[in-house]
Structures are given as structure tokens and as C-alpha cells.
Amino acid sequence: MAKENPEIDKITLVDDNGDEALYEVLFTFHSEEYDKSYILLVPDGVEEDEQVDVQAYIFNPEEDGESKDGDLMPIEDDAEWAMVEEVLNTFLDDDANFE
């Protein structure tokens, strides 16, 4: 279900204070159940074994697969969050994703 998207490597997010932060795309996936695409991000430059908060958003990629930070929308539904967390945990449990 989860898949790597080599066309999107990094994305800059701007917080409420106008501060920019660079994030690395962990992976993207599409949910048939919700008919939405999701993007999961980690702060850029972290070590593989470092514990970080993963950012997850609904996103609408352009036809060419690129995404702009304005295309990211927060996930507000609890059931949707549970589904995204399940996909993330499956991804993290698969050692092949970290070779």
C-alpha cells in the first residue's frame, strides 16, 4: 500500500510564525477507503536511529507528481488518523524500507 515516490525528495513547510523548515518525504500513499493521497514527512537531516515526530498530511499531487506546501491539508478525522498511523507502523516495521 505504501510506496516510495522518487520524484519528491524534500519539501519546505512554513509554520504559523512564518518560519521555514525543510522536511524529507518519508513516503506517500493513496487510500482507496478515503479516496485521498497522503504524505508523511520527517525533519531533514535526522539520523536514521534518531526519534522524530513524523508529520502527516493529506495532499493533492500535481499531474507531474510534484507537490507544493500549499497543497497540504491537515488530517482532522480520528479514523483517518488511525488508518495513517497503521500504514506508518507497517512501513516502519518493514526493515527493507531502510536498506
PDB file of N, CA and C in Angstrom:
ATOM      1  N   MET A   1       0.826  -1.188   0.000  1.00  0.00           N
ATOM      2  CA  MET A   1       0.000   0.000   0.000  1.00  0.00           C
ATOM      3  C   MET A   1       0.874   1.257   0.000  1.00  0.00           C
ATOM      4  N   ALA A   2       1.898   1.308   0.854  1.00  0.00           N
ATOM      5  CA  ALA A   2       2.797   2.452   0.859  1.00  0.00           C
ATOM      6  C   ALA A   2       3.792   2.306  -0.277  1.00  0.00           C
ATOM      7  N   LYS A   3       4.139   3.433  -0.865  1.00  0.00           N
ATOM      8  CA  LYS A   3       5.110   3.360  -1.948  1.00  0.00           C
ATOM      9  C   LYS A   3       6.025   4.563  -1.900  1.00  0.00           C
ATOM     10  N   GLU A   4       7.237   4.347  -2.332  1.00  0.00           N
ATOM     11  CA  GLU A   4       8.212   5.425  -2.421  1.00  0.00           C
ATOM     12  C   GLU A   4       7.858   6.289  -3.632  1.00  0.00           C
ATOM     13  N   ASN A   5       8.122   7.558  -3.552  1.00  0.00           N
ATOM     14  CA  ASN A   5       7.918   8.447  -4.681  1.00  0.00           C
ATOM     15  C   ASN A   5       9.224   9.178  -4.936  1.00  0.00           C
ATOM     16  N   PRO A   6      10.068   8.660  -5.848  1.00  0.00           N
ATOM     17  CA  PRO A   6      11.389   9.250  -6.045  1.00  0.00           C
ATOM     18  C   PRO A   6      11.359  10.661  -6.613  1.00  0.00           C
ATOM     19  N   GLU A   7      10.236  11.105  -7.177  1.00  0.00           N
ATOM     20  CA  GLU A   7      10.184  12.445  -7.751  1.00  0.00           C
ATOM     21  C   GLU A   7      10.114  13.532  -6.680  1.00  0.00           C
ATOM     22  N   ILE A   8       9.660  13.174  -5.471  1.00  0.00           N
ATOM     23  CA  ILE A   8       9.541  14.155  -4.393  1.00  0.00           C
ATOM     24  C   ILE A   8      10.529  13.751  -3.312  1.00  0.00           C
ATOM     25  N   ASP A   9      11.554  14.575  -3.103  1.00  0.00           N
ATOM     26  CA  ASP A   9      12.545  14.250  -2.090  1.00  0.00           C
ATOM     27  C   ASP A   9      12.348  15.074  -0.835  1.00  0.00           C
ATOM     28  N   LYS A  10      12.247  16.394  -1.024  1.00  0.00           N
ATOM     29  CA  LYS A  10      12.176  17.298   0.119  1.00  0.00           C
ATOM     30  C   LYS A  10      11.123  18.360  -0.139  1.00  0.00           C
ATOM     31  N   ILE A  11      10.587  18.891   0.951  1.00  0.00           N
ATOM     32  CA  ILE A  11       9.567  19.927   0.843  1.00  0.00           C
ATOM     33  C   ILE A  11       9.782  20.907   1.993  1.00  0.00           C
ATOM     34  N   THR A  12       9.562  22.169   1.726  1.00  0.00           N
ATOM     35  CA  THR A  12       9.694  23.198   2.749  1.00  0.00           C
ATOM     36  C   THR A  12       8.313  23.528   3.291  1.00  0.00           C
ATOM     37  N   LEU A  13       8.176  23.476   4.621  1.00  0.00           N
ATOM     38  CA  LEU A  13       6.933  23.856   5.274  1.00  0.00           C
ATOM     39  C   LEU A  13       7.143  25.179   6.000  1.00  0.00           C
ATOM     40  N   VAL A  14       6.116  26.006   6.002  1.00  0.00           N
ATOM     41  CA  VAL A  14       6.145  27.285   6.705  1.00  0.00           C
ATOM     42  C   VAL A  14       5.151  27.191   7.855  1.00  0.00           C
ATOM     43  N   ASP A  15       5.628  27.447   9.080  1.00  0.00           N
ATOM     44  CA  ASP A  15       4.733  27.355  10.232  1.00  0.00           C
ATOM     45  C   ASP A  15       3.943  28.648  10.411  1.00  0.00           C
ATOM     46  N   ASP A  16       3.134  28.684  11.473  1.00  0.00           N
ATOM     47  CA  ASP A  16       2.271  29.843  11.726  1.00  0.00           C
ATOM     48  C   ASP A  16       3.050  31.133  11.969  1.00  0.00           C
ATOM     49  N   ASN A  17       4.314  31.000  12.379  1.00  0.00           N
ATOM     50  CA  ASN A  17       5.148  32.177  12.624  1.00  0.00           C
ATOM     51  C   ASN A  17       5.903  32.635  11.386  1.00  0.00           C
ATOM     52  N   GLY A  18       5.712  31.927  10.269  1.00  0.00           N
ATOM     53  CA  GLY A  18       6.410  32.272   9.039  1.00  0.00           C
ATOM     54  C   GLY A  18       7.790  31.652   8.924  1.00  0.00           C
ATOM     55  N   ASP A  19       8.150  30.801   9.897  1.00  0.00           N
ATOM     56  CA  ASP A  19       9.453  30.137   9.858  1.00  0.00           C
ATOM     57  C   ASP A  19       9.404  28.958   8.895  1.00  0.00           C
ATOM     58  N   GLU A  20      10.467  28.825   8.100  1.00  0.00           N
ATOM     59  CA  GLU A  20      10.544  27.720   7.133  1.00  0.00           C
ATOM     60  C   GLU A  20      11.364  26.578   7.711  1.00  0.00           C
ATOM     61  N   ALA A  21      10.939  25.356   7.410  1.00  0.00           N
ATOM     62  CA  ALA A  21      11.689  24.171   7.823  1.00  0.00           C
ATOM     63  C   ALA A  21      11.670  23.188   6.661  1.00  0.00           C
ATOM     64  N   LEU A  22      12.820  22.571   6.420  1.00  0.00           N
ATOM     65  CA  LEU A  22      12.940  21.606   5.338  1.00  0.00           C
ATOM     66  C   LEU A  22      12.631  20.210   5.869  1.00  0.00           C
ATOM     67  N   TYR A  23      11.777  19.482   5.157  1.00  0.00           N
ATOM     68  CA  TYR A  23      11.398  18.123   5.528  1.00  0.00           C
ATOM     69  C   TYR A  23      11.730  17.171   4.400  1.00  0.00           C
ATOM     70  N   GLU A  24      12.070  15.958   4.771  1.00  0.00           N
ATOM     71  CA  GLU A  24      12.308  14.889   3.814  1.00  0.00           C
ATOM     72  C   GLU A  24      11.031  14.062   3.718  1.00  0.00           C
ATOM     73  N   VAL A  25      10.656  13.699   2.500  1.00  0.00           N
ATOM     74  CA  VAL A  25       9.465  12.878   2.299  1.00  0.00           C
ATOM     75  C   VAL A  25       9.806  11.447   2.687  1.00  0.00           C
ATOM     76  N   LEU A  26       9.095  10.920   3.685  1.00  0.00           N
ATOM     77  CA  LEU A  26       9.299   9.541   4.108  1.00  0.00           C
ATOM     78  C   LEU A  26       8.665   8.606   3.083  1.00  0.00           C
ATOM     79  N   PHE A  27       7.390   8.833   2.788  1.00  0.00           N
ATOM     80  CA  PHE A  27       6.705   8.139   1.704  1.00  0.00           C
ATOM     81  C   PHE A  27       5.344   8.772   1.487  1.00  0.00           C
ATOM     82  N   THR A  28       4.739   8.429   0.368  1.00  0.00           N
ATOM     83  CA  THR A  28       3.378   8.857   0.051  1.00  0.00           C
ATOM     84  C   THR A  28       2.556   7.608  -0.240  1.00  0.00           C
ATOM     85  N   PHE A  29       1.257   7.717  -0.041  1.00  0.00           N
ATOM     86  CA  PHE A  29       0.370   6.607  -0.397  1.00  0.00           C
ATOM     87  C   PHE A  29      -1.027   7.141  -0.659  1.00  0.00           C
ATOM     88  N   HIS A  30      -1.820   6.318  -1.321  1.00  0.00           N
ATOM     89  CA  HIS A  30      -3.204   6.664  -1.622  1.00  0.00           C
ATOM     90  C   HIS A  30      -4.119   5.685  -0.895  1.00  0.00           C
ATOM     91  N   SER A  31      -5.148   6.189  -0.254  1.00  0.00           N
ATOM     92  CA  SER A  31      -6.126   5.348   0.426  1.00  0.00           C
ATOM     93  C   SER A  31      -7.371   5.239  -0.447  1.00  0.00           C
ATOM     94  N   GLU A  32      -7.696   4.016  -0.832  1.00  0.00           N
ATOM     95  CA  GLU A  32      -8.923   3.791  -1.595  1.00  0.00           C
ATOM     96  C   GLU A  32     -10.141   4.077  -0.717  1.00  0.00           C
ATOM     97  N   GLU A  33     -10.035   3.713   0.571  1.00  0.00           N
ATOM     98  CA  GLU A  33     -11.149   3.891   1.509  1.00  0.00           C
ATOM     99  C   GLU A  33     -11.577   5.354   1.610  1.00  0.00           C
ATOM    100  N   TYR A  34     -10.594   6.268   1.698  1.00  0.00           N
ATOM    101  CA  TYR A  34     -10.891   7.691   1.824  1.00  0.00           C
ATOM    102  C   TYR A  34     -10.771   8.433   0.497  1.00  0.00           C
ATOM    103  N   ASP A  35     -10.262   7.761  -0.529  1.00  0.00           N
ATOM    104  CA  ASP A  35     -10.027   8.348  -1.845  1.00  0.00           C
ATOM    105  C   ASP A  35      -9.208   9.639  -1.734  1.00  0.00           C
ATOM    106  N   LYS A  36      -8.115   9.532  -0.951  1.00  0.00           N
ATOM    107  CA  LYS A  36      -7.210  10.660  -0.757  1.00  0.00           C
ATOM    108  C   LYS A  36      -5.780  10.149  -0.797  1.00  0.00           C
ATOM    109  N   SER A  37      -4.860  11.064  -1.121  1.00  0.00           N
ATOM    110  CA  SER A  37      -3.438  10.767  -1.055  1.00  0.00           C
ATOM    111  C   SER A  37      -2.874  11.401   0.206  1.00  0.00           C
ATOM    112  N   TYR A  38      -1.848  10.758   0.759  1.00  0.00           N
ATOM    113  CA  TYR A  38      -1.227  11.223   1.996  1.00  0.00           C
ATOM    114  C   TYR A  38       0.277  11.302   1.806  1.00  0.00           C
ATOM    115  N   ILE A  39       0.888  12.217   2.538  1.00  0.00           N
ATOM    116  CA  ILE A  39       2.329  12.375   2.506  1.00  0.00           C
ATOM    117  C   ILE A  39       2.817  12.381   3.946  1.00  0.00           C
ATOM    118  N   LEU A  40       3.893  11.637   4.211  1.00  0.00           N
ATOM    119  CA  LEU A  40       4.478  11.585   5.545  1.00  0.00           C
ATOM    120  C   LEU A  40       5.879  12.152   5.470  1.00  0.00           C
ATOM    121  N   LEU A  41       6.184  13.075   6.385  1.00  0.00           N
ATOM    122  CA  LEU A  41       7.422  13.839   6.353  1.00  0.00           C
ATOM    123  C   LEU A  41       8.186  13.707   7.663  1.00  0.00           C
ATOM    124  N   VAL A  42       9.510  13.758   7.566  1.00  0.00           N
ATOM    125  CA  VAL A  42      10.379  13.833   8.744  1.00  0.00           C
ATOM    126  C   VAL A  42      11.304  15.022   8.550  1.00  0.00           C
ATOM    127  N   PRO A  43      11.754  15.636   9.652  1.00  0.00           N
ATOM    128  CA  PRO A  43      12.676  16.776   9.510  1.00  0.00           C
ATOM    129  C   PRO A  43      13.914  16.364   8.717  1.00  0.00           C
ATOM    130  N   ASP A  44      14.387  17.242   7.862  1.00  0.00           N
ATOM    131  CA  ASP A  44      15.567  16.945   7.043  1.00  0.00           C
ATOM    132  C   ASP A  44      16.807  16.875   7.914  1.00  0.00           C
ATOM    133  N   GLY A  45      17.688  15.934   7.577  1.00  0.00           N
ATOM    134  CA  GLY A  45      18.986  15.856   8.234  1.00  0.00           C
ATOM    135  C   GLY A  45      19.009  15.054   9.519  1.00  0.00           C
ATOM    136  N   VAL A  46      17.959  14.305   9.842  1.00  0.00           N
ATOM    137  CA  VAL A  46      17.989  13.499  11.059  1.00  0.00           C
ATOM    138  C   VAL A  46      18.671  12.159  10.784  1.00  0.00           C
ATOM    139  N   GLU A  47      19.273  11.611  11.813  1.00  0.00           N
ATOM    140  CA  GLU A  47      19.909  10.300  11.701  1.00  0.00           C
ATOM    141  C   GLU A  47      18.830   9.231  11.661  1.00  0.00           C
ATOM    142  N   GLU A  48      19.150   8.087  11.030  1.00  0.00           N
ATOM    143  CA  GLU A  48      18.163   7.021  10.869  1.00  0.00           C
ATOM    144  C   GLU A  48      17.638   6.500  12.194  1.00  0.00           C
ATOM    145  N   ASP A  49      18.481   6.445  13.232  1.00  0.00           N
ATOM    146  CA  ASP A  49      18.041   5.895  14.506  1.00  0.00           C
ATOM    147  C   ASP A  49      17.524   6.964  15.470  1.00  0.00           C
ATOM    148  N   GLU A  50      17.498   8.211  15.023  1.00  0.00           N
ATOM    149  CA  GLU A  50      17.016   9.313  15.858  1.00  0.00           C
ATOM    150  C   GLU A  50      15.492   9.296  15.895  1.00  0.00           C
ATOM    151  N   GLN A  51      14.927   9.503  17.086  1.00  0.00           N
ATOM    152  CA  GLN A  51      13.473   9.516  17.211  1.00  0.00           C
ATOM    153  C   GLN A  51      12.952  10.909  16.854  1.00  0.00           C
ATOM    154  N   VAL A  52      11.997  10.958  15.918  1.00  0.00           N
ATOM    155  CA  VAL A  52      11.441  12.236  15.475  1.00  0.00           C
ATOM    156  C   VAL A  52       9.926  12.120  15.360  1.00  0.00           C
ATOM    157  N   ASP A  53       9.279  13.259  15.350  1.00  0.00           N
ATOM    158  CA  ASP A  53       7.847  13.294  15.093  1.00  0.00           C
ATOM    159  C   ASP A  53       7.636  13.278  13.588  1.00  0.00           C
ATOM    160  N   VAL A  54       6.830  12.342  13.125  1.00  0.00           N
ATOM    161  CA  VAL A  54       6.502  12.251  11.709  1.00  0.00           C
ATOM    162  C   VAL A  54       5.296  13.155  11.461  1.00  0.00           C
ATOM    163  N   GLN A  55       5.400  14.006  10.453  1.00  0.00           N
ATOM    164  CA  GLN A  55       4.302  14.879  10.049  1.00  0.00           C
ATOM    165  C   GLN A  55       3.507  14.166   8.955  1.00  0.00           C
ATOM    166  N   ALA A  56       2.196  14.165   9.066  1.00  0.00           N
ATOM    167  CA  ALA A  56       1.351  13.528   8.050  1.00  0.00           C
ATOM    168  C   ALA A  56       0.294  14.521   7.586  1.00  0.00           C
ATOM    169  N   TYR A  57       0.091  14.549   6.268  1.00  0.00           N
ATOM    170  CA  TYR A  57      -0.885  15.462   5.672  1.00  0.00           C
ATOM    171  C   TYR A  57      -1.613  14.774   4.536  1.00  0.00           C
ATOM    172  N   ILE A  58      -2.806  15.284   4.256  1.00  0.00           N
ATOM    173  CA  ILE A  58      -3.499  14.942   3.021  1.00  0.00           C
ATOM    174  C   ILE A  58      -2.859  15.827   1.955  1.00  0.00           C
ATOM    175  N   PHE A  59      -2.595  15.268   0.777  1.00  0.00           N
ATOM    176  CA  PHE A  59      -2.050  16.135  -0.262  1.00  0.00           C
ATOM    177  C   PHE A  59      -2.625  15.766  -1.617  1.00  0.00           C
ATOM    178  N   ASN A  60      -2.612  16.760  -2.478  1.00  0.00           N
ATOM    179  CA  ASN A  60      -3.123  16.614  -3.835  1.00  0.00           C
ATOM    180  C   ASN A  60      -1.972  16.856  -4.795  1.00  0.00           C
ATOM    181  N   PRO A  61      -1.286  15.779  -5.203  1.00  0.00           N
ATOM    182  CA  PRO A  61      -0.148  15.983  -6.101  1.00  0.00           C
ATOM    183  C   PRO A  61      -0.596  16.514  -7.455  1.00  0.00           C
ATOM    184  N   GLU A  62       0.282  17.284  -8.057  1.00  0.00           N
ATOM    185  CA  GLU A  62       0.033  17.778  -9.411  1.00  0.00           C
ATOM    186  C   GLU A  62       0.114  16.602 -10.378  1.00  0.00           C
ATOM    187  N   GLU A  63      -0.287  16.803 -11.601  1.00  0.00           N
ATOM    188  CA  GLU A  63      -0.253  15.734 -12.603  1.00  0.00           C
ATOM    189  C   GLU A  63       1.153  15.159 -12.778  1.00  0.00           C
ATOM    190  N   ASP A  64       2.195  16.005 -12.578  1.00  0.00           N
ATOM    191  CA  ASP A  64       3.566  15.529 -12.749  1.00  0.00           C
ATOM    192  C   ASP A  64       4.118  14.874 -11.483  1.00  0.00           C
ATOM    193  N   GLY A  65       3.274  14.746 -10.428  1.00  0.00           N
ATOM    194  CA  GLY A  65       3.697  14.096  -9.193  1.00  0.00           C
ATOM    195  C   GLY A  65       4.318  15.048  -8.188  1.00  0.00           C
ATOM    196  N   GLU A  66       4.541  16.304  -8.587  1.00  0.00           N
ATOM    197  CA  GLU A  66       5.123  17.282  -7.673  1.00  0.00           C
ATOM    198  C   GLU A  66       4.043  17.794  -6.721  1.00  0.00           C
ATOM    199  N   SER A  67       4.478  18.280  -5.591  1.00  0.00           N
ATOM    200  CA  SER A  67       3.554  18.839  -4.609  1.00  0.00           C
ATOM    201  C   SER A  67       4.123  20.150  -4.096  1.00  0.00           C
ATOM    202  N   LYS A  68       3.241  21.068  -3.787  1.00  0.00           N
ATOM    203  CA  LYS A  68       3.642  22.329  -3.184  1.00  0.00           C
ATOM    204  C   LYS A  68       3.099  22.329  -1.765  1.00  0.00           C
ATOM    205  N   ASP A  69       3.754  23.073  -0.852  1.00  0.00           N
ATOM    206  CA  ASP A  69       3.287  23.044   0.534  1.00  0.00           C
ATOM    207  C   ASP A  69       1.862  23.581   0.670  1.00  0.00           C
ATOM    208  N   GLY A  70       1.411  24.397  -0.260  1.00  0.00           N
ATOM    209  CA  GLY A  70       0.034  24.892  -0.227  1.00  0.00           C
ATOM    210  C   GLY A  70      -0.985  23.806  -0.517  1.00  0.00           C
ATOM    211  N   ASP A  71      -0.516  22.668  -1.029  1.00  0.00           N
ATOM    212  CA  ASP A  71      -1.401  21.555  -1.341  1.00  0.00           C
ATOM    213  C   ASP A  71      -1.624  20.637  -0.149  1.00  0.00           C
ATOM    214  N   LEU A  72      -0.956  20.889   0.968  1.00  0.00           N
ATOM    215  CA  LEU A  72      -1.064  20.024   2.132  1.00  0.00           C
ATOM    216  C   LEU A  72      -2.207  20.474   3.026  1.00  0.00           C
ATOM    217  N   MET A  73      -3.005  19.494   3.455  1.00  0.00           N
ATOM    218  CA  MET A  73      -4.134  19.783   4.329  1.00  0.00           C
ATOM    219  C   MET A  73      -4.037  18.918   5.572  1.00  0.00           C
ATOM    220  N   PRO A  74      -4.404  19.449   6.735  1.00  0.00           N
ATOM    221  CA  PRO A  74      -4.322  18.648   7.959  1.00  0.00           C
ATOM    222  C   PRO A  74      -5.331  17.497   7.945  1.00  0.00           C
ATOM    223  N   ILE A  75      -4.976  16.426   8.644  1.00  0.00           N
ATOM    224  CA  ILE A  75      -5.880  15.286   8.814  1.00  0.00           C
ATOM    225  C   ILE A  75      -6.657  15.544  10.096  1.00  0.00           C
ATOM    226  N   GLU A  76      -7.962  15.690   9.988  1.00  0.00           N
ATOM    227  CA  GLU A  76      -8.766  16.079  11.142  1.00  0.00           C
ATOM    228  C   GLU A  76      -9.693  14.976  11.645  1.00  0.00           C
ATOM    229  N   ASP A  77      -9.823  13.895  10.913  1.00  0.00           N
ATOM    230  CA  ASP A  77     -10.719  12.810  11.290  1.00  0.00           C
ATOM    231  C   ASP A  77      -9.944  11.744  12.071  1.00  0.00           C
ATOM    232  N   ASP A  78     -10.441  11.352  13.251  1.00  0.00           N
ATOM    233  CA  ASP A  78      -9.744  10.376  14.091  1.00  0.00           C
ATOM    234  C   ASP A  78      -9.572   9.031  13.405  1.00  0.00           C
ATOM    235  N   ALA A  79     -10.588   8.566  12.698  1.00  0.00           N
ATOM    236  CA  ALA A  79     -10.496   7.277  11.999  1.00  0.00           C
ATOM    237  C   ALA A  79      -9.451   7.357  10.890  1.00  0.00           C
ATOM    238  N   GLU A  80      -9.388   8.493  10.225  1.00  0.00           N
ATOM    239  CA  GLU A  80      -8.397   8.701   9.170  1.00  0.00           C
ATOM    240  C   GLU A  80      -6.982   8.686   9.768  1.00  0.00           C
ATOM    241  N   TRP A  81      -6.809   9.339  10.929  1.00  0.00           N
ATOM    242  CA  TRP A  81      -5.522   9.336  11.621  1.00  0.00           C
ATOM    243  C   TRP A  81      -5.115   7.910  11.972  1.00  0.00           C
ATOM    244  N   ALA A  82      -6.056   7.125  12.465  1.00  0.00           N
ATOM    245  CA  ALA A  82      -5.763   5.738  12.845  1.00  0.00           C
ATOM    246  C   ALA A  82      -5.284   4.946  11.636  1.00  0.00           C
ATOM    247  N   MET A  83      -5.905   5.146  10.486  1.00  0.00           N
ATOM    248  CA  MET A  83      -5.506   4.456   9.255  1.00  0.00           C
ATOM    249  C   MET A  83      -4.097   4.875   8.855  1.00  0.00           C
ATOM    250  N   VAL A  84      -3.787   6.175   8.908  1.00  0.00           N
ATOM    251  CA  VAL A  84      -2.459   6.678   8.542  1.00  0.00           C
ATOM    252  C   VAL A  84      -1.410   6.120   9.502  1.00  0.00           C
ATOM    253  N   GLU A  85      -1.711   6.075  10.798  1.00  0.00           N
ATOM    254  CA  GLU A  85      -0.772   5.525  11.771  1.00  0.00           C
ATOM    255  C   GLU A  85      -0.517   4.040  11.515  1.00  0.00           C
ATOM    256  N   GLU A  86      -1.543   3.315  11.122  1.00  0.00           N
ATOM    257  CA  GLU A  86      -1.381   1.899  10.811  1.00  0.00           C
ATOM    258  C   GLU A  86      -0.446   1.711   9.611  1.00  0.00           C
ATOM    259  N   VAL A  87      -0.631   2.523   8.580  1.00  0.00           N
ATOM    260  CA  VAL A  87       0.243   2.455   7.400  1.00  0.00           C
ATOM    261  C   VAL A  87       1.673   2.814   7.796  1.00  0.00           C
ATOM    262  N   LEU A  88       1.844   3.856   8.615  1.00  0.00           N
ATOM    263  CA  LEU A  88       3.172   4.257   9.064  1.00  0.00           C
ATOM    264  C   LEU A  88       3.838   3.131   9.861  1.00  0.00           C
ATOM    265  N   ASN A  89       3.120   2.525  10.779  1.00  0.00           N
ATOM    266  CA  ASN A  89       3.686   1.444  11.583  1.00  0.00           C
ATOM    267  C   ASN A  89       4.087   0.262  10.714  1.00  0.00           C
ATOM    268  N   THR A  90       3.293  -0.059   9.705  1.00  0.00           N
ATOM    269  CA  THR A  90       3.638  -1.134   8.777  1.00  0.00           C
ATOM    270  C   THR A  90       4.921  -0.784   8.033  1.00  0.00           C
ATOM    271  N   PHE A  91       5.027   0.472   7.588  1.00  0.00           N
ATOM    272  CA  PHE A  91       6.227   0.945   6.893  1.00  0.00           C
ATOM    273  C   PHE A  91       7.454   0.839   7.805  1.00  0.00           C
ATOM    274  N   LEU A  92       7.316   1.295   9.057  1.00  0.00           N
ATOM    275  CA  LEU A  92       8.438   1.288   9.989  1.00  0.00           C
ATOM    276  C   LEU A  92       8.849  -0.123  10.384  1.00  0.00           C
ATOM    277  N   ASP A  93       7.911  -1.059  10.412  1.00  0.00           N
ATOM    278  CA  ASP A  93       8.205  -2.449  10.766  1.00  0.00           C
ATOM    279  C   ASP A  93       8.887  -3.213   9.651  1.00  0.00           C
ATOM    280  N   ASP A  94       8.851  -2.682   8.430  1.00  0.00           N
ATOM    281  CA  ASP A  94       9.446  -3.359   7.278  1.00  0.00           C
ATOM    282  C   ASP A  94      10.892  -2.889   7.106  1.00  0.00           C
ATOM    283  N   ASP A  95      11.837  -3.706   7.567  1.00  0.00           N
ATOM    284  CA  ASP A  95      13.255  -3.330   7.519  1.00  0.00           C
ATOM    285  C   ASP A  95      13.734  -3.046   6.094  1.00  0.00           C
ATOM    286  N   ALA A  96      13.088  -3.607   5.092  1.00  0.00           N
ATOM    287  CA  ALA A  96      13.501  -3.386   3.701  1.00  0.00           C
ATOM    288  C   ALA A  96      13.402  -1.911   3.317  1.00  0.00           C
ATOM    289  N   ASN A  97      12.576  -1.130   4.010  1.00  0.00           N
ATOM    290  CA  ASN A  97      12.445   0.291   3.704  1.00  0.00           C
ATOM    291  C   ASN A  97      13.652   1.111   4.159  1.00  0.00           C
ATOM    292  N   PHE A  98      14.558   0.477   4.913  1.00  0.00           N
ATOM    293  CA  PHE A  98      15.685   1.236   5.481  1.00  0.00           C
ATOM    294  C   PHE A  98      17.028   0.712   5.018  1.00  0.00           C
ATOM    295  N   GLU A  99      17.056  -0.057   3.944  1.00  0.00           N
ATOM    296  CA  GLU A  99      18.326  -0.583   3.429  1.00  0.00           C
ATOM    297  C   GLU A  99      18.976   0.400   2.494  1.00  0.00           C
TER     298      GLU A  99
END
